[in-house]
Amino acid sequence: MSQKILDAIAPTFREVFDDPSLVLTSKLSANDVDNWDSLNHITLIVELETLTGLIFSTDELVNLKDVGDFVQLLADKGYHG
């Protein structure tokens, strides 16, 4: 997993979930964040698309289990942080 990508997306996660102390790890998932509901999930995806300049398909997003999977998706799509 790319620490550079993780560091680049961490501020977006903190902003969307309104938690400045949120620590991103590869294993962090929706089950670990109180504010990670369906609406915030969509907001997170839109904000990360804006940050990275990438567009994610439903097929790409549906199988993501945690932040590590998302970081891998970003890396696979050419984002380096």
N, C-alpha and C. Protein backbone atom coordinates (compact mmCIF):
# COMPACT_ATOMS: atom_id res chain seq x y z
N MET A 1 0.84 -1.19 0.00
CA MET A 1 0.00 0.00 0.00
C MET A 1 0.88 1.25 0.00
N SER A 2 0.45 2.25 -0.70
CA SER A 2 1.20 3.48 -0.82
C SER A 2 0.87 4.45 0.33
N GLN A 3 1.85 4.70 1.15
CA GLN A 3 1.67 5.66 2.24
C GLN A 3 1.44 7.06 1.69
N LYS A 4 2.05 7.37 0.54
CA LYS A 4 1.89 8.68 -0.07
C LYS A 4 0.43 8.91 -0.46
N ILE A 5 -0.21 7.89 -1.04
CA ILE A 5 -1.62 8.01 -1.41
C ILE A 5 -2.47 8.14 -0.15
N LEU A 6 -2.19 7.32 0.84
CA LEU A 6 -2.93 7.37 2.10
C LEU A 6 -2.85 8.76 2.72
N ASP A 7 -1.66 9.33 2.74
CA ASP A 7 -1.48 10.68 3.29
C ASP A 7 -2.22 11.73 2.48
N ALA A 8 -2.29 11.54 1.15
CA ALA A 8 -2.95 12.52 0.28
C ALA A 8 -4.46 12.52 0.45
N ILE A 9 -5.04 11.35 0.73
CA ILE A 9 -6.50 11.27 0.84
C ILE A 9 -7.01 11.45 2.26
N ALA A 10 -6.14 11.37 3.25
CA ALA A 10 -6.55 11.48 4.65
C ALA A 10 -7.32 12.77 4.96
N PRO A 11 -6.88 13.94 4.48
CA PRO A 11 -7.63 15.16 4.79
C PRO A 11 -9.08 15.12 4.26
N THR A 12 -9.28 14.47 3.13
CA THR A 12 -10.63 14.36 2.57
C THR A 12 -11.50 13.50 3.47
N PHE A 13 -10.98 12.39 3.94
CA PHE A 13 -11.72 11.54 4.87
C PHE A 13 -12.07 12.32 6.14
N ARG A 14 -11.11 13.06 6.67
CA ARG A 14 -11.35 13.82 7.91
C ARG A 14 -12.43 14.88 7.71
N GLU A 15 -12.41 15.52 6.55
CA GLU A 15 -13.40 16.56 6.26
C GLU A 15 -14.80 15.96 6.08
N VAL A 16 -14.89 14.91 5.27
CA VAL A 16 -16.20 14.30 4.99
C VAL A 16 -16.83 13.74 6.27
N PHE A 17 -16.03 13.11 7.09
CA PHE A 17 -16.57 12.50 8.31
C PHE A 17 -16.51 13.43 9.52
N ASP A 18 -16.10 14.68 9.29
CA ASP A 18 -16.05 15.70 10.32
C ASP A 18 -15.32 15.21 11.57
N ASP A 19 -14.14 14.64 11.33
CA ASP A 19 -13.33 14.09 12.42
C ASP A 19 -11.86 14.41 12.17
N PRO A 20 -11.38 15.55 12.69
CA PRO A 20 -10.00 15.95 12.44
C PRO A 20 -8.97 15.00 13.03
N SER A 21 -9.38 14.13 13.92
CA SER A 21 -8.42 13.20 14.52
C SER A 21 -8.46 11.81 13.88
N LEU A 22 -9.27 11.65 12.83
CA LEU A 22 -9.38 10.35 12.17
C LEU A 22 -8.03 9.92 11.61
N VAL A 23 -7.62 8.72 11.97
CA VAL A 23 -6.36 8.15 11.48
C VAL A 23 -6.69 7.11 10.43
N LEU A 24 -6.20 7.34 9.22
CA LEU A 24 -6.44 6.39 8.14
C LEU A 24 -5.42 5.26 8.21
N THR A 25 -5.93 4.05 8.14
CA THR A 25 -5.09 2.86 8.03
C THR A 25 -5.65 2.02 6.89
N SER A 26 -4.87 1.09 6.43
CA SER A 26 -5.32 0.25 5.32
C SER A 26 -6.55 -0.58 5.69
N LYS A 27 -6.72 -0.90 6.95
CA LYS A 27 -7.83 -1.75 7.38
C LYS A 27 -9.07 -0.97 7.82
N LEU A 28 -9.00 0.37 7.83
CA LEU A 28 -10.15 1.19 8.22
C LEU A 28 -11.31 0.96 7.25
N SER A 29 -12.50 0.76 7.81
CA SER A 29 -13.69 0.54 6.96
C SER A 29 -14.87 1.32 7.53
N ALA A 30 -15.98 1.26 6.83
CA ALA A 30 -17.18 1.97 7.26
C ALA A 30 -17.62 1.53 8.65
N ASN A 31 -17.35 0.30 9.01
CA ASN A 31 -17.73 -0.19 10.33
C ASN A 31 -16.97 0.49 11.46
N ASP A 32 -15.85 1.13 11.13
CA ASP A 32 -14.99 1.75 12.14
C ASP A 32 -15.25 3.23 12.35
N VAL A 33 -16.08 3.85 11.50
CA VAL A 33 -16.28 5.29 11.54
C VAL A 33 -17.76 5.58 11.76
N ASP A 34 -18.07 6.24 12.86
CA ASP A 34 -19.47 6.50 13.23
C ASP A 34 -20.26 7.22 12.14
N ASN A 35 -19.67 8.19 11.50
CA ASN A 35 -20.37 9.01 10.51
C ASN A 35 -20.36 8.42 9.10
N TRP A 36 -19.84 7.22 8.93
CA TRP A 36 -19.72 6.63 7.59
C TRP A 36 -21.02 5.93 7.21
N ASP A 37 -21.99 6.74 6.78
CA ASP A 37 -23.27 6.20 6.33
C ASP A 37 -23.32 6.29 4.81
N SER A 38 -24.45 5.93 4.22
CA SER A 38 -24.54 5.90 2.76
C SER A 38 -24.37 7.28 2.13
N LEU A 39 -24.92 8.29 2.74
CA LEU A 39 -24.79 9.64 2.19
C LEU A 39 -23.34 10.12 2.25
N ASN A 40 -22.69 9.93 3.38
CA ASN A 40 -21.29 10.33 3.49
C ASN A 40 -20.40 9.49 2.60
N HIS A 41 -20.79 8.25 2.34
CA HIS A 41 -20.02 7.41 1.43
C HIS A 41 -20.01 8.01 0.03
N ILE A 42 -21.18 8.43 -0.43
CA ILE A 42 -21.28 9.06 -1.75
C ILE A 42 -20.49 10.37 -1.77
N THR A 43 -20.62 11.15 -0.72
CA THR A 43 -19.86 12.41 -0.62
C THR A 43 -18.37 12.13 -0.68
N LEU A 44 -17.93 11.10 0.03
CA LEU A 44 -16.51 10.74 0.03
C LEU A 44 -16.03 10.39 -1.38
N ILE A 45 -16.80 9.59 -2.09
CA ILE A 45 -16.41 9.20 -3.45
C ILE A 45 -16.31 10.43 -4.36
N VAL A 46 -17.30 11.31 -4.29
CA VAL A 46 -17.28 12.52 -5.12
C VAL A 46 -16.08 13.40 -4.77
N GLU A 47 -15.82 13.58 -3.50
CA GLU A 47 -14.69 14.41 -3.07
C GLU A 47 -13.35 13.79 -3.51
N LEU A 48 -13.25 12.46 -3.44
CA LEU A 48 -12.01 11.81 -3.86
C LEU A 48 -11.85 11.85 -5.38
N GLU A 49 -12.95 11.80 -6.12
CA GLU A 49 -12.86 11.98 -7.56
C GLU A 49 -12.36 13.38 -7.89
N THR A 50 -12.86 14.37 -7.16
CA THR A 50 -12.42 15.75 -7.37
C THR A 50 -10.94 15.89 -7.03
N LEU A 51 -10.52 15.32 -5.92
CA LEU A 51 -9.13 15.41 -5.49
C LEU A 51 -8.18 14.77 -6.50
N THR A 52 -8.54 13.60 -6.98
CA THR A 52 -7.63 12.81 -7.81
C THR A 52 -7.77 13.07 -9.30
N GLY A 53 -8.91 13.63 -9.71
CA GLY A 53 -9.17 13.80 -11.13
C GLY A 53 -9.59 12.52 -11.82
N LEU A 54 -9.92 11.51 -11.04
CA LEU A 54 -10.33 10.21 -11.57
C LEU A 54 -11.84 10.04 -11.45
N ILE A 55 -12.38 9.14 -12.24
CA ILE A 55 -13.79 8.77 -12.15
C ILE A 55 -13.84 7.28 -11.83
N PHE A 56 -14.67 6.91 -10.88
CA PHE A 56 -14.78 5.52 -10.46
C PHE A 56 -16.11 4.94 -10.93
N SER A 57 -16.06 3.75 -11.47
CA SER A 57 -17.28 3.08 -11.89
C SER A 57 -17.88 2.33 -10.70
N THR A 58 -19.14 2.02 -10.80
CA THR A 58 -19.80 1.23 -9.76
C THR A 58 -19.10 -0.11 -9.60
N ASP A 59 -18.71 -0.72 -10.71
CA ASP A 59 -18.02 -2.01 -10.65
C ASP A 59 -16.72 -1.92 -9.86
N GLU A 60 -16.01 -0.80 -9.99
CA GLU A 60 -14.77 -0.62 -9.24
C GLU A 60 -15.03 -0.44 -7.75
N LEU A 61 -16.11 0.22 -7.42
CA LEU A 61 -16.38 0.58 -6.03
C LEU A 61 -17.08 -0.51 -5.23
N VAL A 62 -17.84 -1.35 -5.89
CA VAL A 62 -18.71 -2.29 -5.18
C VAL A 62 -17.94 -3.31 -4.34
N ASN A 63 -16.74 -3.66 -4.74
CA ASN A 63 -16.00 -4.70 -4.02
C ASN A 63 -14.98 -4.18 -3.02
N LEU A 64 -14.94 -2.86 -2.84
CA LEU A 64 -13.98 -2.30 -1.89
C LEU A 64 -14.42 -2.60 -0.46
N LYS A 65 -13.52 -3.18 0.33
CA LYS A 65 -13.84 -3.54 1.70
C LYS A 65 -13.29 -2.56 2.73
N ASP A 66 -12.19 -1.88 2.37
CA ASP A 66 -11.54 -1.00 3.33
C ASP A 66 -10.70 0.05 2.60
N VAL A 67 -10.07 0.90 3.36
CA VAL A 67 -9.27 1.99 2.79
C VAL A 67 -8.11 1.42 1.97
N GLY A 68 -7.53 0.32 2.41
CA GLY A 68 -6.44 -0.30 1.67
C GLY A 68 -6.86 -0.69 0.26
N ASP A 69 -8.06 -1.23 0.13
CA ASP A 69 -8.58 -1.57 -1.21
C ASP A 69 -8.73 -0.31 -2.06
N PHE A 70 -9.19 0.77 -1.44
CA PHE A 70 -9.37 2.02 -2.18
C PHE A 70 -8.03 2.59 -2.61
N VAL A 71 -7.04 2.53 -1.74
CA VAL A 71 -5.70 3.01 -2.08
C VAL A 71 -5.15 2.19 -3.25
N GLN A 72 -5.38 0.89 -3.24
CA GLN A 72 -4.92 0.03 -4.33
C GLN A 72 -5.62 0.40 -5.64
N LEU A 73 -6.92 0.68 -5.57
CA LEU A 73 -7.65 1.12 -6.76
C LEU A 73 -7.06 2.41 -7.31
N LEU A 74 -6.78 3.36 -6.43
CA LEU A 74 -6.18 4.62 -6.87
C LEU A 74 -4.84 4.38 -7.55
N ALA A 75 -4.02 3.54 -6.95
CA ALA A 75 -2.71 3.23 -7.53
C ALA A 75 -2.86 2.55 -8.88
N ASP A 76 -3.80 1.62 -8.98
CA ASP A 76 -4.04 0.91 -10.24
C ASP A 76 -4.49 1.86 -11.35
N LYS A 77 -5.17 2.95 -10.96
CA LYS A 77 -5.65 3.92 -11.94
C LYS A 77 -4.62 5.02 -12.21
N GLY A 78 -3.42 4.89 -11.61
CA GLY A 78 -2.35 5.81 -11.91
C GLY A 78 -2.19 6.99 -10.97
N TYR A 79 -2.95 7.02 -9.88
CA TYR A 79 -2.82 8.12 -8.92
C TYR A 79 -1.66 7.82 -7.98
N HIS A 80 -0.82 8.82 -7.73
CA HIS A 80 0.36 8.60 -6.90
C HIS A 80 0.39 9.48 -5.64
N GLY A 81 -0.63 10.28 -5.46
CA GLY A 81 -0.70 11.07 -4.24
C GLY A 81 -0.14 12.45 -4.35
